[in-house]
């Protein structure tokens, strides 16, 4: 990113927050953000405008660049794969002879194409049907309270 591109993109922040950076602040910001491409910087500025109440500092802009990377990574299009047909999982079957009766089991393996959605165990995909926390003491608490 050149100095002119940086000043042009940063002026959008100054206009939105109605506060101007000093020449020293702009110099320090440019030194820290010089390695970032203009496109990423502009996307980070848009992210900051949408999510920050106050004018962002360099750390806020760097965090916004990382958040934009995560958002873009989630929005990547799926690859057309002949093995899994774009699903990300390959079904395979196993036949077992159970005393004259054949049982067919279906399993799924992760495909090499990378289209699978990995379960990380820390997020809830369906917020609407999220269970409410249950406290065992709340159930018996009315019996222990004095009348």
N, C-alpha and C. Protein backbone atom coordinates (compact mmCIF):
# COMPACT_ATOMS: atom_id res chain seq x y z
N UNK A 1 0.86 -1.17 0.00
CA UNK A 1 0.00 0.00 0.00
C UNK A 1 0.91 1.23 0.00
N UNK A 2 0.58 2.14 -0.85
CA UNK A 2 1.35 3.38 -0.92
C UNK A 2 0.79 4.40 0.08
N UNK A 3 1.55 5.44 0.30
CA UNK A 3 1.13 6.48 1.25
C UNK A 3 -0.14 7.18 0.75
N UNK A 4 -0.22 7.44 -0.55
CA UNK A 4 -1.41 8.09 -1.10
C UNK A 4 -2.66 7.25 -0.94
N UNK A 5 -2.54 5.94 -1.19
CA UNK A 5 -3.68 5.03 -1.01
C UNK A 5 -4.10 4.97 0.45
N UNK A 6 -3.11 4.98 1.34
CA UNK A 6 -3.39 4.94 2.78
C UNK A 6 -4.15 6.19 3.21
N UNK A 7 -3.68 7.37 2.78
CA UNK A 7 -4.33 8.63 3.17
C UNK A 7 -5.75 8.69 2.61
N UNK A 8 -5.93 8.23 1.38
CA UNK A 8 -7.26 8.25 0.77
C UNK A 8 -8.23 7.34 1.54
N UNK A 9 -7.78 6.14 1.89
CA UNK A 9 -8.64 5.21 2.63
C UNK A 9 -8.88 5.70 4.06
N UNK A 10 -7.87 6.27 4.68
CA UNK A 10 -8.00 6.74 6.06
C UNK A 10 -8.91 7.97 6.15
N UNK A 11 -8.98 8.74 5.08
CA UNK A 11 -9.86 9.91 5.10
C UNK A 11 -11.32 9.50 5.26
N UNK A 12 -11.65 8.30 4.83
CA UNK A 12 -13.02 7.80 5.03
C UNK A 12 -13.31 7.64 6.52
N UNK A 13 -12.34 7.13 7.26
CA UNK A 13 -12.49 7.02 8.72
C UNK A 13 -12.65 8.39 9.35
N UNK A 14 -11.82 9.33 8.93
CA UNK A 14 -11.86 10.67 9.51
C UNK A 14 -13.19 11.35 9.23
N UNK A 15 -13.72 11.16 8.05
CA UNK A 15 -15.01 11.77 7.71
C UNK A 15 -16.14 11.15 8.52
N UNK A 16 -16.10 9.82 8.66
CA UNK A 16 -17.20 9.16 9.37
C UNK A 16 -17.20 9.52 10.85
N UNK A 17 -16.04 9.47 11.49
CA UNK A 17 -15.97 9.74 12.93
C UNK A 17 -15.81 11.22 13.25
N UNK A 18 -15.73 12.06 12.23
CA UNK A 18 -15.59 13.50 12.38
C UNK A 18 -14.43 13.87 13.31
N UNK A 19 -13.31 13.21 13.09
CA UNK A 19 -12.09 13.47 13.86
C UNK A 19 -10.92 13.24 12.93
N UNK A 20 -9.98 14.16 12.94
CA UNK A 20 -8.82 14.04 12.07
C UNK A 20 -7.63 13.48 12.84
N UNK A 21 -6.88 12.59 12.18
CA UNK A 21 -5.65 12.08 12.76
C UNK A 21 -4.56 13.12 12.58
N UNK A 22 -3.67 13.23 13.53
CA UNK A 22 -2.53 14.14 13.38
C UNK A 22 -1.54 13.52 12.39
N UNK A 23 -0.62 14.30 11.92
CA UNK A 23 0.37 13.81 10.95
C UNK A 23 1.21 12.71 11.59
N UNK A 24 1.52 12.85 12.86
CA UNK A 24 2.30 11.84 13.57
C UNK A 24 1.51 10.54 13.70
N UNK A 25 0.22 10.63 14.02
CA UNK A 25 -0.62 9.44 14.11
C UNK A 25 -0.70 8.73 12.75
N UNK A 26 -0.87 9.51 11.67
CA UNK A 26 -0.93 8.91 10.34
C UNK A 26 0.39 8.24 9.98
N UNK A 27 1.49 8.84 10.36
CA UNK A 27 2.79 8.26 10.05
C UNK A 27 2.97 6.91 10.77
N UNK A 28 2.61 6.88 12.05
CA UNK A 28 2.73 5.64 12.83
C UNK A 28 1.79 4.58 12.28
N UNK A 29 0.55 4.97 11.97
CA UNK A 29 -0.40 4.01 11.41
C UNK A 29 0.11 3.45 10.09
N UNK A 30 0.65 4.32 9.23
CA UNK A 30 1.15 3.86 7.94
C UNK A 30 2.31 2.90 8.11
N UNK A 31 3.21 3.17 9.07
CA UNK A 31 4.34 2.26 9.32
C UNK A 31 3.84 0.89 9.76
N UNK A 32 2.81 0.86 10.59
CA UNK A 32 2.29 -0.41 11.09
C UNK A 32 1.46 -1.17 10.05
N UNK A 33 0.80 -0.44 9.18
CA UNK A 33 -0.13 -1.06 8.22
C UNK A 33 0.42 -1.10 6.80
N UNK A 34 1.68 -0.80 6.62
CA UNK A 34 2.28 -0.73 5.29
C UNK A 34 2.19 -2.07 4.55
N UNK A 35 2.31 -3.18 5.26
CA UNK A 35 2.33 -4.50 4.62
C UNK A 35 0.94 -4.96 4.18
N UNK A 36 -0.10 -4.32 4.66
CA UNK A 36 -1.47 -4.73 4.35
C UNK A 36 -1.85 -4.20 2.97
N UNK A 37 -2.56 -5.02 2.20
CA UNK A 37 -2.99 -4.56 0.88
C UNK A 37 -4.11 -3.52 1.03
N UNK A 38 -4.29 -2.72 0.00
CA UNK A 38 -5.30 -1.67 0.03
C UNK A 38 -6.70 -2.26 0.16
N UNK A 39 -6.96 -3.35 -0.55
CA UNK A 39 -8.29 -3.96 -0.50
C UNK A 39 -8.62 -4.43 0.91
N UNK A 40 -7.65 -5.11 1.55
CA UNK A 40 -7.89 -5.57 2.92
C UNK A 40 -8.09 -4.39 3.87
N UNK A 41 -7.31 -3.34 3.67
CA UNK A 41 -7.42 -2.16 4.53
C UNK A 41 -8.79 -1.50 4.37
N UNK A 42 -9.27 -1.39 3.15
CA UNK A 42 -10.59 -0.78 2.92
C UNK A 42 -11.70 -1.64 3.53
N UNK A 43 -11.57 -2.95 3.40
CA UNK A 43 -12.57 -3.84 4.01
C UNK A 43 -12.54 -3.73 5.53
N UNK A 44 -11.34 -3.59 6.09
CA UNK A 44 -11.21 -3.44 7.54
C UNK A 44 -11.82 -2.12 8.01
N UNK A 45 -11.66 -1.07 7.22
CA UNK A 45 -12.26 0.22 7.57
C UNK A 45 -13.78 0.10 7.56
N UNK A 46 -14.32 -0.57 6.56
CA UNK A 46 -15.77 -0.78 6.51
C UNK A 46 -16.23 -1.57 7.73
N UNK A 47 -15.46 -2.61 8.10
CA UNK A 47 -15.80 -3.41 9.28
C UNK A 47 -15.77 -2.54 10.54
N UNK A 48 -14.76 -1.68 10.65
CA UNK A 48 -14.65 -0.80 11.83
C UNK A 48 -15.81 0.18 11.89
N UNK A 49 -16.19 0.74 10.76
CA UNK A 49 -17.30 1.68 10.73
C UNK A 49 -18.58 1.00 11.18
N UNK A 50 -18.76 -0.23 10.81
CA UNK A 50 -19.99 -0.96 11.16
C UNK A 50 -19.99 -1.44 12.61
N UNK A 51 -18.81 -1.67 13.20
CA UNK A 51 -18.77 -2.32 14.50
C UNK A 51 -18.17 -1.51 15.64
N UNK A 52 -17.46 -0.42 15.36
CA UNK A 52 -16.83 0.35 16.42
C UNK A 52 -17.58 1.65 16.68
N UNK A 53 -17.76 1.97 17.94
CA UNK A 53 -18.41 3.23 18.30
C UNK A 53 -17.44 4.39 18.21
N UNK A 54 -16.17 4.13 18.48
CA UNK A 54 -15.16 5.17 18.51
C UNK A 54 -14.16 4.94 17.38
N UNK A 55 -13.42 5.98 17.07
CA UNK A 55 -12.44 5.89 15.98
C UNK A 55 -11.43 4.80 16.32
N UNK A 56 -11.15 3.91 15.38
CA UNK A 56 -10.30 2.76 15.71
C UNK A 56 -8.81 3.13 15.77
N UNK A 57 -8.12 2.42 16.62
CA UNK A 57 -6.67 2.52 16.72
C UNK A 57 -6.06 1.45 15.81
N UNK A 58 -4.76 1.39 15.76
CA UNK A 58 -4.08 0.41 14.89
C UNK A 58 -4.46 -1.01 15.28
N UNK A 59 -4.53 -1.29 16.58
CA UNK A 59 -4.88 -2.64 17.02
C UNK A 59 -6.30 -3.00 16.59
N UNK A 60 -7.22 -2.04 16.64
CA UNK A 60 -8.58 -2.29 16.20
C UNK A 60 -8.62 -2.60 14.70
N UNK A 61 -7.81 -1.89 13.93
CA UNK A 61 -7.78 -2.13 12.48
C UNK A 61 -7.18 -3.49 12.18
N UNK A 62 -6.12 -3.87 12.90
CA UNK A 62 -5.53 -5.19 12.70
C UNK A 62 -6.49 -6.30 13.09
N UNK A 63 -7.24 -6.10 14.18
CA UNK A 63 -8.26 -7.08 14.56
C UNK A 63 -9.36 -7.15 13.51
N UNK A 64 -9.72 -6.00 12.94
CA UNK A 64 -10.74 -5.98 11.90
C UNK A 64 -10.26 -6.72 10.66
N UNK A 65 -8.99 -6.60 10.33
CA UNK A 65 -8.44 -7.33 9.18
C UNK A 65 -8.55 -8.84 9.41
N UNK A 66 -8.25 -9.29 10.63
CA UNK A 66 -8.39 -10.72 10.95
C UNK A 66 -9.84 -11.16 10.90
N UNK A 67 -10.76 -10.34 11.40
CA UNK A 67 -12.18 -10.68 11.34
C UNK A 67 -12.67 -10.75 9.90
N UNK A 68 -12.21 -9.83 9.06
CA UNK A 68 -12.60 -9.84 7.65
C UNK A 68 -12.09 -11.11 6.99
N UNK A 69 -10.88 -11.54 7.34
CA UNK A 69 -10.33 -12.78 6.80
C UNK A 69 -11.22 -13.96 7.17
N UNK A 70 -11.68 -13.99 8.43
CA UNK A 70 -12.55 -15.08 8.87
C UNK A 70 -13.86 -15.07 8.11
N UNK A 71 -14.43 -13.90 7.92
CA UNK A 71 -15.71 -13.78 7.21
C UNK A 71 -15.56 -14.22 5.76
N UNK A 72 -14.48 -13.79 5.12
CA UNK A 72 -14.25 -14.17 3.73
C UNK A 72 -14.01 -15.66 3.62
N UNK A 73 -13.32 -16.25 4.60
CA UNK A 73 -13.07 -17.69 4.57
C UNK A 73 -14.37 -18.48 4.69
N UNK A 74 -15.32 -17.97 5.47
CA UNK A 74 -16.61 -18.65 5.61
C UNK A 74 -17.44 -18.54 4.33
N UNK A 75 -17.26 -17.44 3.60
CA UNK A 75 -18.07 -17.21 2.43
C UNK A 75 -17.49 -17.81 1.15
N UNK A 76 -16.38 -18.53 1.27
CA UNK A 76 -15.78 -19.10 0.06
C UNK A 76 -16.73 -20.09 -0.58
N UNK A 77 -16.70 -20.12 -1.89
CA UNK A 77 -17.60 -21.01 -2.62
C UNK A 77 -17.09 -22.44 -2.55
N UNK A 78 -18.01 -23.34 -2.73
CA UNK A 78 -17.67 -24.75 -2.69
C UNK A 78 -17.03 -25.19 -4.00
N UNK A 79 -16.14 -26.15 -3.89
CA UNK A 79 -15.48 -26.71 -5.05
C UNK A 79 -16.34 -27.85 -5.59
N UNK A 80 -16.47 -27.92 -6.90
CA UNK A 80 -17.18 -29.04 -7.51
C UNK A 80 -16.26 -30.26 -7.46
N UNK A 81 -16.67 -31.27 -6.76
CA UNK A 81 -15.86 -32.47 -6.58
C UNK A 81 -16.63 -33.66 -7.12
N UNK A 82 -15.96 -34.51 -7.88
CA UNK A 82 -16.63 -35.68 -8.45
C UNK A 82 -16.81 -36.79 -7.43
N UNK A 83 -15.91 -36.86 -6.43
CA UNK A 83 -16.02 -37.91 -5.43
C UNK A 83 -17.24 -37.72 -4.52
N UNK A 84 -17.39 -36.49 -4.01
CA UNK A 84 -18.45 -36.24 -3.02
C UNK A 84 -19.60 -35.41 -3.58
N UNK A 85 -19.50 -34.99 -4.83
CA UNK A 85 -20.51 -34.16 -5.49
C UNK A 85 -20.70 -32.82 -4.77
N UNK A 86 -19.62 -32.28 -4.20
CA UNK A 86 -19.66 -30.97 -3.57
C UNK A 86 -20.14 -30.95 -2.14
N UNK A 87 -20.50 -32.10 -1.58
CA UNK A 87 -21.04 -32.15 -0.22
C UNK A 87 -19.92 -32.07 0.82
N UNK A 88 -18.79 -32.70 0.53
CA UNK A 88 -17.68 -32.70 1.47
C UNK A 88 -17.52 -34.02 2.19
N UNK A 89 -18.46 -34.93 2.02
CA UNK A 89 -18.41 -36.24 2.66
C UNK A 89 -18.64 -37.32 1.61
N UNK A 90 -17.89 -38.42 1.74
CA UNK A 90 -18.01 -39.53 0.81
C UNK A 90 -18.67 -40.69 1.55
N UNK A 91 -19.84 -41.16 1.07
CA UNK A 91 -20.46 -42.31 1.73
C UNK A 91 -19.78 -43.62 1.29
N UNK A 92 -19.68 -44.54 2.21
CA UNK A 92 -19.23 -45.88 1.84
C UNK A 92 -20.02 -46.87 2.68
N UNK A 93 -20.12 -48.08 2.15
CA UNK A 93 -20.99 -49.09 2.75
C UNK A 93 -20.18 -50.30 3.15
N UNK A 94 -20.63 -50.95 4.19
CA UNK A 94 -19.97 -52.17 4.67
C UNK A 94 -21.05 -53.21 4.89
N UNK A 95 -20.85 -54.39 4.30
CA UNK A 95 -21.82 -55.49 4.44
C UNK A 95 -21.29 -56.49 5.45
N UNK A 96 -22.15 -56.88 6.37
CA UNK A 96 -21.79 -57.84 7.41
C UNK A 96 -22.79 -58.98 7.35
N UNK A 97 -22.26 -60.21 7.38
CA UNK A 97 -23.12 -61.39 7.38
C UNK A 97 -23.44 -61.74 8.83
N UNK A 98 -24.70 -61.64 9.19
CA UNK A 98 -25.14 -61.86 10.57
C UNK A 98 -25.98 -63.13 10.61
N UNK A 99 -25.34 -64.26 10.57
CA UNK A 99 -26.05 -65.53 10.65
C UNK A 99 -27.01 -65.74 9.49
N UNK A 100 -26.58 -65.48 8.30
CA UNK A 100 -27.43 -65.67 7.13
C UNK A 100 -28.17 -64.41 6.71
N UNK A 101 -28.24 -63.44 7.57
CA UNK A 101 -28.89 -62.17 7.24
C UNK A 101 -27.81 -61.12 6.99
N UNK A 102 -27.87 -60.51 5.84
CA UNK A 102 -26.86 -59.51 5.48
C UNK A 102 -27.30 -58.13 5.95
N UNK A 103 -26.43 -57.48 6.73
CA UNK A 103 -26.71 -56.15 7.24
C UNK A 103 -25.77 -55.18 6.53
N UNK A 104 -26.34 -54.10 6.03
CA UNK A 104 -25.54 -53.09 5.33
C UNK A 104 -25.45 -51.84 6.21
N UNK A 105 -24.23 -51.44 6.50
CA UNK A 105 -23.98 -50.24 7.28
C UNK A 105 -23.48 -49.14 6.35
N UNK A 106 -23.92 -47.92 6.59
CA UNK A 106 -23.46 -46.79 5.80
C UNK A 106 -22.62 -45.88 6.69
N UNK A 107 -21.43 -45.53 6.19
CA UNK A 107 -20.51 -44.65 6.90
C UNK A 107 -20.19 -43.46 6.01
N UNK A 108 -19.67 -42.40 6.61
CA UNK A 108 -19.25 -41.23 5.85
C UNK A 108 -17.83 -40.86 6.23
N UNK A 109 -17.05 -40.55 5.20
CA UNK A 109 -15.67 -40.09 5.41
C UNK A 109 -15.54 -38.68 4.86
N UNK A 110 -14.63 -37.91 5.41
CA UNK A 110 -14.38 -36.55 4.95
C UNK A 110 -13.63 -36.63 3.62
N UNK A 111 -14.11 -35.87 2.65
CA UNK A 111 -13.49 -35.85 1.32
C UNK A 111 -12.25 -34.93 1.33
N UNK A 112 -11.37 -35.14 0.38
CA UNK A 112 -10.14 -34.34 0.27
C UNK A 112 -10.39 -32.93 -0.25
N UNK A 113 -11.56 -32.65 -0.81
CA UNK A 113 -11.82 -31.36 -1.46
C UNK A 113 -11.92 -30.20 -0.46
N UNK A 114 -12.23 -30.47 0.80
CA UNK A 114 -12.29 -29.41 1.81
C UNK A 114 -13.65 -28.75 1.92
N UNK A 115 -14.69 -29.30 1.33
CA UNK A 115 -16.02 -28.71 1.41
C UNK A 115 -16.77 -29.08 2.69
N UNK A 116 -16.19 -29.93 3.51
CA UNK A 116 -16.90 -30.38 4.71
C UNK A 116 -17.01 -29.27 5.74
N UNK A 117 -18.02 -29.37 6.56
CA UNK A 117 -18.18 -28.45 7.67
C UNK A 117 -17.75 -29.20 8.92
N UNK A 118 -16.69 -28.76 9.51
CA UNK A 118 -16.15 -29.45 10.69
C UNK A 118 -16.90 -29.02 11.94
N UNK A 119 -17.15 -29.94 12.81
CA UNK A 119 -17.81 -29.65 14.08
C UNK A 119 -16.74 -29.33 15.10
N UNK A 120 -16.78 -28.14 15.65
CA UNK A 120 -15.76 -27.75 16.62
C UNK A 120 -16.22 -27.91 18.06
N UNK A 121 -17.51 -28.08 18.29
CA UNK A 121 -18.00 -28.32 19.63
C UNK A 121 -18.17 -27.09 20.49
N UNK A 122 -17.82 -25.92 19.98
CA UNK A 122 -17.92 -24.71 20.79
C UNK A 122 -19.04 -23.79 20.35
N UNK A 123 -19.63 -24.05 19.22
CA UNK A 123 -20.69 -23.18 18.72
C UNK A 123 -21.99 -23.97 18.61
N UNK A 124 -23.08 -23.26 18.67
CA UNK A 124 -24.40 -23.86 18.52
C UNK A 124 -24.93 -23.42 17.17
N UNK A 125 -25.17 -24.39 16.30
CA UNK A 125 -25.60 -24.03 14.95
C UNK A 125 -27.07 -23.62 14.91
N UNK A 126 -27.87 -24.15 15.80
CA UNK A 126 -29.30 -23.86 15.79
C UNK A 126 -29.67 -23.15 17.10
N UNK A 127 -29.58 -21.84 17.11
CA UNK A 127 -29.83 -21.06 18.33
C UNK A 127 -31.29 -21.18 18.78
N UNK A 128 -32.19 -21.30 17.83
CA UNK A 128 -33.61 -21.35 18.16
C UNK A 128 -33.95 -22.53 19.06
N UNK A 129 -33.29 -23.68 18.86
CA UNK A 129 -33.60 -24.88 19.63
C UNK A 129 -32.54 -25.18 20.69
N UNK A 130 -31.80 -24.17 21.09
CA UNK A 130 -30.79 -24.33 22.13
C UNK A 130 -31.49 -24.62 23.46
N UNK A 131 -30.98 -25.60 24.19
CA UNK A 131 -31.60 -25.94 25.46
C UNK A 131 -31.24 -24.90 26.51
N UNK A 132 -32.15 -24.70 27.43
CA UNK A 132 -31.91 -23.77 28.52
C UNK A 132 -31.16 -24.50 29.63
N UNK A 133 -30.25 -23.81 30.33
CA UNK A 133 -29.49 -24.49 31.38
C UNK A 133 -30.43 -24.93 32.51
N UNK A 134 -30.16 -26.09 33.07
CA UNK A 134 -30.97 -26.63 34.15
C UNK A 134 -30.12 -26.69 35.41
N UNK A 135 -30.62 -26.16 36.47
CA UNK A 135 -29.92 -26.20 37.75
C UNK A 135 -30.71 -27.13 38.67
N UNK A 136 -30.05 -28.17 39.18
CA UNK A 136 -30.71 -29.16 40.02
C UNK A 136 -31.29 -28.53 41.28
N UNK A 137 -30.61 -27.53 41.83
CA UNK A 137 -31.09 -26.91 43.07
C UNK A 137 -32.38 -26.12 42.85
N UNK A 138 -32.55 -25.54 41.67
CA UNK A 138 -33.76 -24.78 41.41
C UNK A 138 -35.00 -25.67 41.48
N UNK A 139 -34.83 -26.94 41.18
CA UNK A 139 -35.94 -27.87 41.19
C UNK A 139 -36.41 -28.13 42.62
N UNK A 140 -35.46 -28.25 43.56
CA UNK A 140 -35.80 -28.57 44.94
C UNK A 140 -35.87 -27.35 45.84
N UNK A 141 -35.51 -26.18 45.35
CA UNK A 141 -35.46 -24.99 46.18
C UNK A 141 -36.80 -24.64 46.85
N UNK A 142 -37.94 -24.78 46.19
CA UNK A 142 -39.21 -24.45 46.88
C UNK A 142 -39.49 -25.30 48.12
N UNK A 143 -38.92 -26.53 48.18
CA UNK A 143 -39.16 -27.40 49.32
C UNK A 143 -38.35 -26.99 50.54
N UNK A 144 -37.24 -26.29 50.33
CA UNK A 144 -36.38 -25.91 51.43
C UNK A 144 -36.64 -24.52 51.94
N UNK A 145 -37.37 -23.72 51.24
CA UNK A 145 -37.66 -22.36 51.68
C UNK A 145 -38.72 -22.37 52.78
N UNK A 146 -38.55 -21.53 53.78
CA UNK A 146 -39.58 -21.47 54.83
C UNK A 146 -40.85 -20.83 54.29
N UNK A 147 -41.96 -21.31 54.77
CA UNK A 147 -43.24 -20.82 54.29
C UNK A 147 -43.64 -19.53 54.93
